[in-house]
Amino acid sequence: MNRQFPLAGLLRLRKMQQDQAATEMARASSRSQGARERRAAARTELGSSDQTAGSSSALLAIAAARASSQSMLADLDALAAATEAQLAEARTDYTEARRKAVGLEKLELRHGTELAVAELRAEQGVLDEIASTSWHRTAGQASS
């Protein structure tokens, strides 16, 4: 039996793909977390502003600032949604890469087990041959 796992090269490739997918998933998770934090910080900051209008021009300025803030929050919401979608895609890619690697890992394990069984059988055959030869020699000497 071939001592080396015949699909070892493919298994190495699958593990590299899995590592790459895990790295990309970590990056996507970091980007998503950052977007959520920026959105939460902006909402907190905008929610705590107590502006009072002393004049009509101040009222118009407050209204413009709130409209701008609403637009900024919408942009942050869109960014957060996009990073969540990227994270979901990265998780899917990682899961697929892991599935492919696990299948080959199981084949490698089975190959190793079959190799060990074959080695044990060969060793047992040698031991049986030694015992049989020894017995025939002993039996032949006893009858003489």
Protein backbone atom coordinates (compact mmCIF):
# COMPACT_ATOMS: atom_id res chain seq x y z
CA MET A 1 0.00 0.00 0.00
CA ASN A 2 1.24 3.49 -0.83
CA ARG A 3 2.65 4.98 2.38
CA GLN A 4 1.95 8.56 1.37
CA PHE A 5 -1.62 9.81 1.16
CA PRO A 6 -2.26 10.11 -2.59
CA LEU A 7 -4.30 13.29 -2.20
CA ALA A 8 -1.83 15.05 0.14
CA GLY A 9 -1.21 17.89 -2.33
CA LEU A 10 -4.91 18.52 -2.77
CA LEU A 11 -5.40 18.41 1.00
CA ARG A 12 -2.67 21.04 1.47
CA LEU A 13 -4.38 23.21 -1.15
CA ARG A 14 -7.76 22.82 0.57
CA LYS A 15 -6.25 23.75 3.94
CA MET A 16 -4.64 26.84 2.39
CA GLN A 17 -8.02 27.79 0.90
CA GLN A 18 -9.63 27.26 4.28
CA ASP A 19 -7.01 29.47 5.97
CA GLN A 20 -7.54 32.15 3.32
CA ALA A 21 -11.31 32.01 3.81
CA ALA A 22 -10.87 32.24 7.59
CA THR A 23 -8.65 35.31 7.17
CA GLU A 24 -11.17 36.95 4.86
CA MET A 25 -13.97 36.15 7.30
CA ALA A 26 -12.00 37.77 10.12
CA ARG A 27 -11.44 40.88 8.00
CA ALA A 28 -15.12 41.06 7.07
CA SER A 29 -16.07 40.64 10.71
CA SER A 30 -13.74 43.46 11.70
CA ARG A 31 -15.17 45.76 9.00
CA SER A 32 -18.70 44.90 10.05
CA GLN A 33 -17.96 45.53 13.72
CA GLY A 34 -16.35 48.86 12.85
CA ALA A 35 -19.37 49.94 10.81
CA ARG A 36 -21.73 48.99 13.63
CA GLU A 37 -19.63 50.92 16.14
CA ARG A 38 -19.50 54.03 13.92
CA ARG A 39 -23.26 53.88 13.42
CA ALA A 40 -23.90 53.48 17.16
CA ALA A 41 -21.51 56.33 18.00
CA ALA A 42 -23.17 58.63 15.46
CA ARG A 43 -26.64 57.81 16.78
CA THR A 44 -25.52 58.42 20.36
CA GLU A 45 -23.85 61.70 19.48
CA LEU A 46 -26.80 62.94 17.46
CA GLY A 47 -29.30 61.85 20.09
CA SER A 48 -27.56 63.80 22.82
CA SER A 49 -27.48 67.15 21.07
CA ASP A 50 -29.77 69.67 22.75
CA GLN A 51 -30.07 72.55 20.37
CA THR A 52 -32.57 75.31 20.91
CA ALA A 53 -33.44 77.80 18.22
CA GLY A 54 -33.15 81.41 19.27
CA SER A 55 -34.03 82.78 15.88
CA SER A 56 -35.49 81.67 12.59
CA SER A 57 -32.02 81.41 11.02
CA ALA A 58 -30.89 79.18 13.92
CA LEU A 59 -33.99 77.05 13.39
CA LEU A 60 -33.14 76.69 9.70
CA ALA A 61 -29.55 75.75 10.60
CA ILE A 62 -30.79 73.11 13.06
CA ALA A 63 -33.16 71.70 10.45
CA ALA A 64 -30.35 71.56 7.88
CA ALA A 65 -28.03 69.86 10.39
CA ARG A 66 -30.70 67.29 11.23
CA ALA A 67 -31.35 66.59 7.56
CA SER A 68 -27.63 66.16 7.01
CA SER A 69 -27.44 63.90 10.05
CA GLN A 70 -30.32 61.79 8.75
CA SER A 71 -28.51 61.42 5.44
CA MET A 72 -25.29 60.47 7.24
CA LEU A 73 -27.16 57.89 9.35
CA ALA A 74 -28.73 56.44 6.21
CA ASP A 75 -25.25 56.14 4.68
CA LEU A 76 -23.94 54.45 7.83
CA ASP A 77 -26.93 52.08 7.81
CA ALA A 78 -26.22 51.20 4.18
CA LEU A 79 -22.54 50.68 4.97
CA ALA A 80 -23.44 48.45 7.94
CA ALA A 81 -25.82 46.41 5.76
CA ALA A 82 -23.15 46.03 3.06
CA THR A 83 -20.52 44.89 5.56
CA GLU A 84 -23.01 42.42 7.08
CA ALA A 85 -23.65 41.01 3.60
CA GLN A 86 -19.90 40.71 3.02
CA LEU A 87 -19.54 38.94 6.36
CA ALA A 88 -22.32 36.51 5.47
CA GLU A 89 -20.63 35.77 2.14
CA ALA A 90 -17.27 35.28 3.85
CA ARG A 91 -18.87 32.86 6.32
CA THR A 92 -20.40 30.92 3.45
CA ASP A 93 -17.03 30.78 1.66
CA TYR A 94 -15.32 29.59 4.85
CA THR A 95 -17.96 26.93 5.45
CA GLU A 96 -17.54 25.64 1.90
CA ALA A 97 -13.74 25.62 2.17
CA ARG A 98 -13.97 23.82 5.52
CA ARG A 99 -16.38 21.24 4.09
CA LYS A 100 -13.98 20.47 1.25
CA ALA A 101 -11.01 20.16 3.61
CA VAL A 102 -12.88 17.97 6.11
CA GLY A 103 -13.79 15.47 3.39
CA LEU A 104 -10.14 15.09 2.44
CA GLU A 105 -9.06 14.96 6.09
CA LYS A 106 -11.42 12.03 6.61
CA LEU A 107 -9.97 10.29 3.57
CA GLU A 108 -6.46 10.89 4.91
CA LEU A 109 -7.45 9.44 8.28
CA ARG A 110 -8.97 6.40 6.60
CA HIS A 111 -5.79 5.98 4.52
CA GLY A 112 -3.67 6.10 7.67
CA THR A 113 -5.89 3.56 9.39
CA GLU A 114 -5.77 1.20 6.41
CA LEU A 115 -1.99 1.59 6.26
CA ALA A 116 -1.68 0.75 9.96
CA VAL A 117 -3.93 -2.30 9.53
CA ALA A 118 -1.86 -3.48 6.56
CA GLU A 119 1.35 -3.08 8.57
CA LEU A 120 -0.13 -5.02 11.49
CA ARG A 121 -1.26 -7.81 9.14
CA ALA A 122 2.19 -8.02 7.59
CA GLU A 123 3.78 -8.11 11.04
CA GLN A 124 1.33 -10.79 12.17
CA GLY A 125 2.15 -12.81 9.05
CA VAL A 126 5.86 -12.64 9.85
CA LEU A 127 5.21 -13.65 13.46
CA ASP A 128 3.01 -16.55 12.33
CA GLU A 129 5.72 -17.69 9.90
CA ILE A 130 8.38 -17.53 12.61
CA ALA A 131 6.16 -19.45 15.05
CA SER A 132 5.28 -22.07 12.41
CA THR A 133 8.90 -22.56 11.38
CA SER A 134 9.99 -22.79 14.99
CA TRP A 135 7.24 -25.31 15.76
CA HIS A 136 8.20 -27.49 12.78
CA ARG A 137 11.84 -27.45 13.83
CA THR A 138 10.93 -28.28 17.42
CA ALA A 139 8.55 -31.06 16.34
CA GLY A 140 11.16 -32.45 13.95
CA GLN A 141 13.83 -32.56 16.67
CA ALA A 142 11.46 -34.22 19.13
CA SER A 143 10.67 -37.10 16.74
CA SER A 144 14.34 -37.87 16.08
